[in-house]
Amino acid sequence: MNREQDRSTEAVRDYWDKHTLGKQYVKRDDLAPGTQEFFDHVRPWMSPFKFPWIMDRIKREAAIVGDGRVLEVGCGMGFTSLEFSKRGCRVTATDLTPSAIELARQHYEVENAVAEDVRIENVLALSFEDQSFDAVWANGVLHHCGDARKGIQEIRRVLKPNGRAIISHFYRRPSWMYWVARLGRENIEFKSEDPPVTDFLTEKEILDLFAGYQVESTARDHYRALPIAKTGPKAFLYTWLFAPLYNLIPRPLAEKLAYKFSVTAIRK
């Protein structure tokens, strides 16, 4: 990697190490991170439980992969990896940050589940040998990594021929979230700051990333405005003004404004 990308990766790592996805939803000071009670507390806000289409995708892909090897890049606290493990897949759960990996390992322990490995990895420079996995899952990762094209090609490298890249999802533009994110200067994710890298891409730009793949299916996801946990002026306007009005839009039009675009592709 060149020096510019190293700096980007460092910034991304530092941010997410301090802001492990899910911690922003903790509303109780008495919960010890890594306990069963902690994971139960944040579960309703986490993928795949908040987003039913993600759970449907996991069930479909786990049935296809069977007992094959699944790599998750950007596993966070391990909620999605655990769903694949519970369905018989041999899972390697990875994340860029030590804090996420520690929580994912604790999550597997309290669930009495077993992964092939839970370890730190960078999707832009995976340490695995070529053609190691039957499927790679990435949920909400590549638009934050700083070089989505390189990430997609690293995923291709570690996939076996005809292996499955299940990318749920990229941030899409134009979309309702693209406009909301640019309304005012207040951050939309954490109280202190938003991620250093958040790329919104057109569908054409996303599909152009998949050189060396055959795209099997695509989906426009998250076309309705769902509840958020954040508070503040922007969140207030979102919850009490934007979301109720936007959700009145007929579904065909709302789907055209979906803010997530997911791709399932087969490695050639």
Protein backbone atom coordinates (compact mmCIF):
# COMPACT_ATOMS: atom_id res chain seq x y z
CA MET A 1 0.00 0.00 0.00
CA ASN A 2 1.16 3.52 -0.68
CA ARG A 3 1.64 6.05 2.11
CA GLU A 4 -1.63 7.85 1.39
CA GLN A 5 -3.61 4.63 1.78
CA ASP A 6 -1.68 3.75 4.95
CA ARG A 7 -2.83 7.02 6.48
CA SER A 8 -6.39 6.38 5.45
CA THR A 9 -6.29 2.87 6.91
CA GLU A 10 -4.80 4.16 10.13
CA ALA A 11 -7.51 6.81 10.43
CA VAL A 12 -10.23 4.22 9.76
CA ARG A 13 -8.72 1.80 12.29
CA ASP A 14 -8.34 4.45 14.97
CA TYR A 15 -11.90 5.67 14.54
CA TRP A 16 -13.58 2.25 14.62
CA ASP A 17 -11.37 1.04 17.46
CA LYS A 18 -12.89 3.85 19.54
CA HIS A 19 -16.39 3.51 18.06
CA THR A 20 -17.13 -0.21 17.80
CA LEU A 21 -20.47 -0.49 16.02
CA GLY A 22 -23.14 -1.20 18.62
CA LYS A 23 -21.66 0.73 21.51
CA GLN A 24 -23.63 3.82 20.53
CA TYR A 25 -26.81 1.89 21.34
CA VAL A 26 -25.90 1.13 24.96
CA LYS A 27 -28.28 3.03 27.24
CA ARG A 28 -27.26 1.54 30.60
CA ASP A 29 -24.10 2.32 32.55
CA ASP A 30 -24.25 -0.91 34.54
CA LEU A 31 -23.67 -3.22 31.56
CA ALA A 32 -20.22 -4.78 31.33
CA PRO A 33 -19.06 -5.07 27.69
CA GLY A 34 -18.67 -8.66 26.56
CA THR A 35 -21.35 -10.14 28.83
CA GLN A 36 -24.49 -11.92 27.68
CA GLU A 37 -26.60 -9.09 29.09
CA PHE A 38 -24.57 -6.56 27.10
CA PHE A 39 -25.06 -8.40 23.80
CA ASP A 40 -28.77 -8.95 24.53
CA HIS A 41 -29.14 -5.22 25.18
CA VAL A 42 -27.73 -4.07 21.81
CA ARG A 43 -29.00 -6.99 19.70
CA PRO A 44 -32.27 -5.34 18.54
CA TRP A 45 -30.24 -2.51 16.98
CA MET A 46 -27.73 -4.74 15.26
CA SER A 47 -27.61 -6.33 11.85
CA PRO A 48 -29.13 -8.78 11.06
CA PHE A 49 -31.82 -8.30 13.72
CA LYS A 50 -32.73 -4.71 12.87
CA PHE A 51 -32.78 -5.47 9.14
CA PRO A 52 -34.88 -8.54 8.28
CA TRP A 53 -33.63 -8.64 4.69
CA ILE A 54 -30.12 -9.25 6.05
CA MET A 55 -31.29 -12.26 8.06
CA ASP A 56 -33.04 -13.62 4.96
CA ARG A 57 -29.79 -13.22 3.04
CA ILE A 58 -27.82 -15.05 5.73
CA LYS A 59 -30.26 -17.96 5.72
CA ARG A 60 -30.10 -18.20 1.92
CA GLU A 61 -26.32 -18.03 1.72
CA ALA A 62 -25.71 -20.40 4.64
CA ALA A 63 -27.92 -22.98 2.92
CA ILE A 64 -25.86 -22.60 -0.27
CA VAL A 65 -22.46 -22.73 1.43
CA GLY A 66 -23.34 -25.55 3.85
CA ASP A 67 -20.28 -26.54 5.84
CA GLY A 68 -17.98 -24.54 3.57
CA ARG A 69 -15.58 -21.86 4.75
CA VAL A 70 -17.02 -18.37 5.22
CA LEU A 71 -14.88 -15.28 5.81
CA GLU A 72 -16.52 -12.22 7.31
CA VAL A 73 -14.63 -8.97 6.89
CA GLY A 74 -15.67 -6.31 9.37
CA CYS A 75 -17.35 -8.67 11.85
CA GLY A 76 -17.72 -6.07 14.60
CA MET A 77 -19.17 -7.73 17.69
CA GLY A 78 -19.77 -10.92 15.73
CA PHE A 79 -23.56 -10.99 15.41
CA THR A 80 -23.56 -11.98 11.74
CA SER A 81 -20.64 -14.38 12.02
CA LEU A 82 -22.49 -16.19 14.78
CA GLU A 83 -25.55 -16.62 12.57
CA PHE A 84 -23.41 -18.35 9.93
CA SER A 85 -21.73 -20.51 12.58
CA LYS A 86 -25.08 -21.57 14.04
CA ARG A 87 -26.08 -22.76 10.56
CA GLY A 88 -23.08 -25.04 10.18
CA CYS A 89 -20.68 -22.84 8.20
CA ARG A 90 -17.01 -22.83 9.14
CA VAL A 91 -16.50 -19.16 9.93
CA THR A 92 -13.43 -16.98 10.11
CA ALA A 93 -14.51 -13.68 11.66
CA THR A 94 -12.21 -10.71 11.06
CA ASP A 95 -12.14 -7.02 11.81
CA LEU A 96 -9.67 -4.18 11.44
CA THR A 97 -9.80 -3.25 15.12
CA PRO A 98 -8.64 -4.96 18.32
CA SER A 99 -11.68 -3.74 20.29
CA ALA A 100 -14.13 -5.41 17.90
CA ILE A 101 -12.17 -8.65 17.85
CA GLU A 102 -12.09 -8.81 21.64
CA LEU A 103 -15.86 -8.36 21.77
CA ALA A 104 -16.46 -10.89 18.97
CA ARG A 105 -14.39 -13.50 20.82
CA GLN A 106 -16.34 -12.83 24.01
CA HIS A 107 -19.59 -13.06 22.05
CA TYR A 108 -18.67 -16.48 20.68
CA GLU A 109 -17.73 -17.59 24.20
CA VAL A 110 -21.00 -16.54 25.85
CA GLU A 111 -22.97 -18.13 23.00
CA ASN A 112 -20.98 -21.39 23.37
CA ALA A 113 -20.25 -21.21 19.65
CA VAL A 114 -17.07 -22.07 17.78
CA ALA A 115 -15.39 -20.23 14.91
CA GLU A 116 -12.43 -21.45 12.88
CA ASP A 117 -10.77 -18.17 13.85
CA VAL A 118 -11.54 -14.69 15.13
CA ARG A 119 -8.72 -12.33 14.27
CA ILE A 120 -7.57 -8.90 13.14
CA GLU A 121 -7.42 -8.46 9.36
CA ASN A 122 -7.45 -5.58 6.89
CA VAL A 123 -9.71 -6.13 3.88
CA LEU A 124 -7.22 -4.14 1.78
CA ALA A 125 -4.38 -6.55 2.59
CA LEU A 126 -5.77 -9.90 3.72
CA SER A 127 -3.18 -12.37 5.02
CA PHE A 128 -4.95 -15.49 3.73
CA GLU A 129 -3.68 -17.60 0.87
CA ASP A 130 -5.31 -17.40 -2.55
CA GLN A 131 -8.55 -19.36 -3.01
CA SER A 132 -9.09 -20.08 0.69
CA PHE A 133 -12.83 -19.50 1.15
CA ASP A 134 -16.13 -20.64 -0.32
CA ALA A 135 -17.82 -17.34 0.53
CA VAL A 136 -16.93 -13.90 1.84
CA TRP A 137 -19.47 -11.75 3.65
CA ALA A 138 -19.07 -7.99 4.14
CA ASN A 139 -21.84 -5.95 5.73
CA GLY A 140 -21.49 -2.17 5.81
CA VAL A 141 -17.70 -2.30 5.50
CA LEU A 142 -16.38 -1.46 2.05
CA HIS A 143 -17.77 2.07 1.87
CA HIS A 144 -15.78 2.85 5.03
CA CYS A 145 -12.46 1.17 4.09
CA GLY A 146 -10.99 3.93 1.91
CA ASP A 147 -10.52 1.86 -1.27
CA ALA A 148 -13.57 -0.25 -2.11
CA ARG A 149 -12.09 -1.41 -5.42
CA LYS A 150 -9.01 -2.84 -3.75
CA GLY A 151 -11.16 -4.45 -1.06
CA ILE A 152 -13.34 -6.18 -3.67
CA GLN A 153 -10.26 -7.52 -5.46
CA GLU A 154 -8.73 -8.80 -2.19
CA ILE A 155 -11.99 -10.61 -1.53
CA ARG A 156 -11.80 -12.11 -5.01
CA ARG A 157 -8.22 -13.25 -4.40
CA VAL A 158 -9.13 -15.28 -1.30
CA LEU A 159 -12.29 -16.76 -2.84
CA LYS A 160 -12.19 -20.17 -4.46
CA PRO A 161 -13.31 -20.36 -8.11
CA ASN A 162 -17.09 -19.97 -8.13
CA GLY A 163 -16.89 -18.68 -4.58
CA ARG A 164 -19.50 -16.20 -3.44
CA ALA A 165 -18.94 -12.55 -2.53
CA ILE A 166 -21.96 -11.38 -0.55
CA ILE A 167 -21.62 -7.64 -0.11
CA SER A 168 -24.42 -6.26 2.04
CA HIS A 169 -24.02 -3.34 1.35
CA PHE A 170 -22.63 -0.18 -0.25
CA TYR A 171 -24.00 3.29 0.44
CA ARG A 172 -25.86 4.43 -2.65
CA ARG A 173 -26.40 7.76 -4.35
CA PRO A 174 -28.70 9.36 -5.11
CA SER A 175 -30.60 8.26 -2.01
CA TRP A 176 -32.51 9.71 0.89
CA MET A 177 -29.59 9.13 3.29
CA TYR A 178 -27.16 10.79 0.90
CA TRP A 179 -29.21 13.97 1.20
CA VAL A 180 -29.89 13.64 4.95
CA ALA A 181 -26.17 13.13 5.64
CA ARG A 182 -25.44 16.44 3.95
CA LEU A 183 -28.16 18.40 5.73
CA GLY A 184 -26.29 20.62 8.16
CA ARG A 185 -22.97 19.82 9.80
CA GLU A 186 -24.15 17.64 12.70
CA ASN A 187 -22.91 14.06 12.55
CA ILE A 188 -25.47 11.30 12.05
CA GLU A 189 -23.87 8.27 13.72
CA PHE A 190 -21.99 8.94 16.96
CA LYS A 191 -22.28 11.87 19.35
CA SER A 192 -18.70 13.04 18.82
CA GLU A 193 -17.84 12.42 15.17
CA ASP A 194 -18.64 10.41 12.10
CA PRO A 195 -16.24 7.99 10.36
CA PRO A 196 -13.29 9.46 8.44
CA VAL A 197 -14.34 7.62 5.28
CA THR A 198 -17.95 7.17 4.15
CA ASP A 199 -18.29 6.72 0.40
CA PHE A 200 -21.59 7.05 -1.43
CA LEU A 201 -21.44 5.50 -4.92
CA THR A 202 -23.80 5.24 -7.87
CA GLU A 203 -25.01 1.78 -8.83
CA LYS A 204 -22.82 1.90 -11.94
CA GLU A 205 -19.76 2.80 -9.86
CA ILE A 206 -20.51 -0.11 -7.53
CA LEU A 207 -20.97 -2.67 -10.29
CA ASP A 208 -17.79 -1.48 -12.00
CA LEU A 209 -15.87 -2.62 -8.91
CA PHE A 210 -16.65 -6.27 -9.64
CA ALA A 211 -14.07 -7.01 -12.32
CA GLY A 212 -13.39 -10.75 -12.43
CA TYR A 213 -16.82 -11.62 -11.04
CA GLN A 214 -20.18 -12.56 -12.46
CA VAL A 215 -22.84 -10.57 -10.66
CA GLU A 216 -25.58 -12.96 -9.59
CA SER A 217 -28.01 -10.54 -7.98
CA THR A 218 -28.38 -6.99 -6.71
CA ALA A 219 -30.82 -5.38 -4.30
CA ARG A 220 -31.79 -1.90 -3.25
CA ASP A 221 -32.05 -2.13 0.52
CA HIS A 222 -33.21 0.22 3.27
CA TYR A 223 -35.62 2.25 1.21
CA ARG A 224 -37.69 3.17 4.26
CA ALA A 225 -36.56 5.47 7.08
CA LEU A 226 -36.13 3.21 10.13
CA PRO A 227 -35.85 4.24 13.80
CA ILE A 228 -32.50 5.59 15.01
CA ALA A 229 -31.01 5.61 18.51
CA LYS A 230 -29.14 8.90 18.26
CA THR A 231 -30.42 12.08 19.89
CA GLY A 232 -29.87 15.73 19.05
CA PRO A 233 -31.42 18.35 16.73
CA LYS A 234 -30.77 16.46 13.50
CA ALA A 235 -32.06 13.20 14.97
CA PHE A 236 -35.16 14.99 16.28
CA LEU A 237 -35.96 16.36 12.83
CA TYR A 238 -35.31 12.94 11.29
CA THR A 239 -37.55 11.09 13.76
CA TRP A 240 -40.46 13.51 13.98
CA LEU A 241 -40.50 15.20 10.58
CA PHE A 242 -38.50 13.53 7.85
CA ALA A 243 -39.21 9.84 8.59
CA PRO A 244 -43.02 10.08 8.93
CA LEU A 245 -43.33 12.13 5.75
CA TYR A 246 -40.81 10.15 3.71
CA ASN A 247 -42.40 6.82 4.66
CA LEU A 248 -45.63 7.98 3.04
CA ILE A 249 -43.93 7.83 -0.37
CA PRO A 250 -45.20 4.90 -2.47
CA ARG A 251 -42.89 1.92 -2.45
CA PRO A 252 -41.83 2.07 -6.15
CA LEU A 253 -40.56 5.61 -5.67
CA ALA A 254 -39.06 4.85 -2.26
CA GLU A 255 -37.04 1.97 -3.74
CA LYS A 256 -35.50 4.38 -6.23
CA LEU A 257 -34.26 6.39 -3.23
CA ALA A 258 -32.94 3.39 -1.25
CA TYR A 259 -29.67 4.22 0.43
CA LYS A 260 -28.09 0.77 0.42
CA PHE A 261 -27.15 -1.34 -2.59
CA SER A 262 -26.19 -4.96 -2.10
CA VAL A 263 -24.40 -7.26 -4.52
CA THR A 264 -23.93 -11.02 -4.62
CA ALA A 265 -21.27 -12.01 -7.14
CA ILE A 266 -19.51 -15.20 -8.18
CA ARG A 267 -15.74 -15.30 -8.58
CA LYS A 268 -14.80 -16.28 -12.13
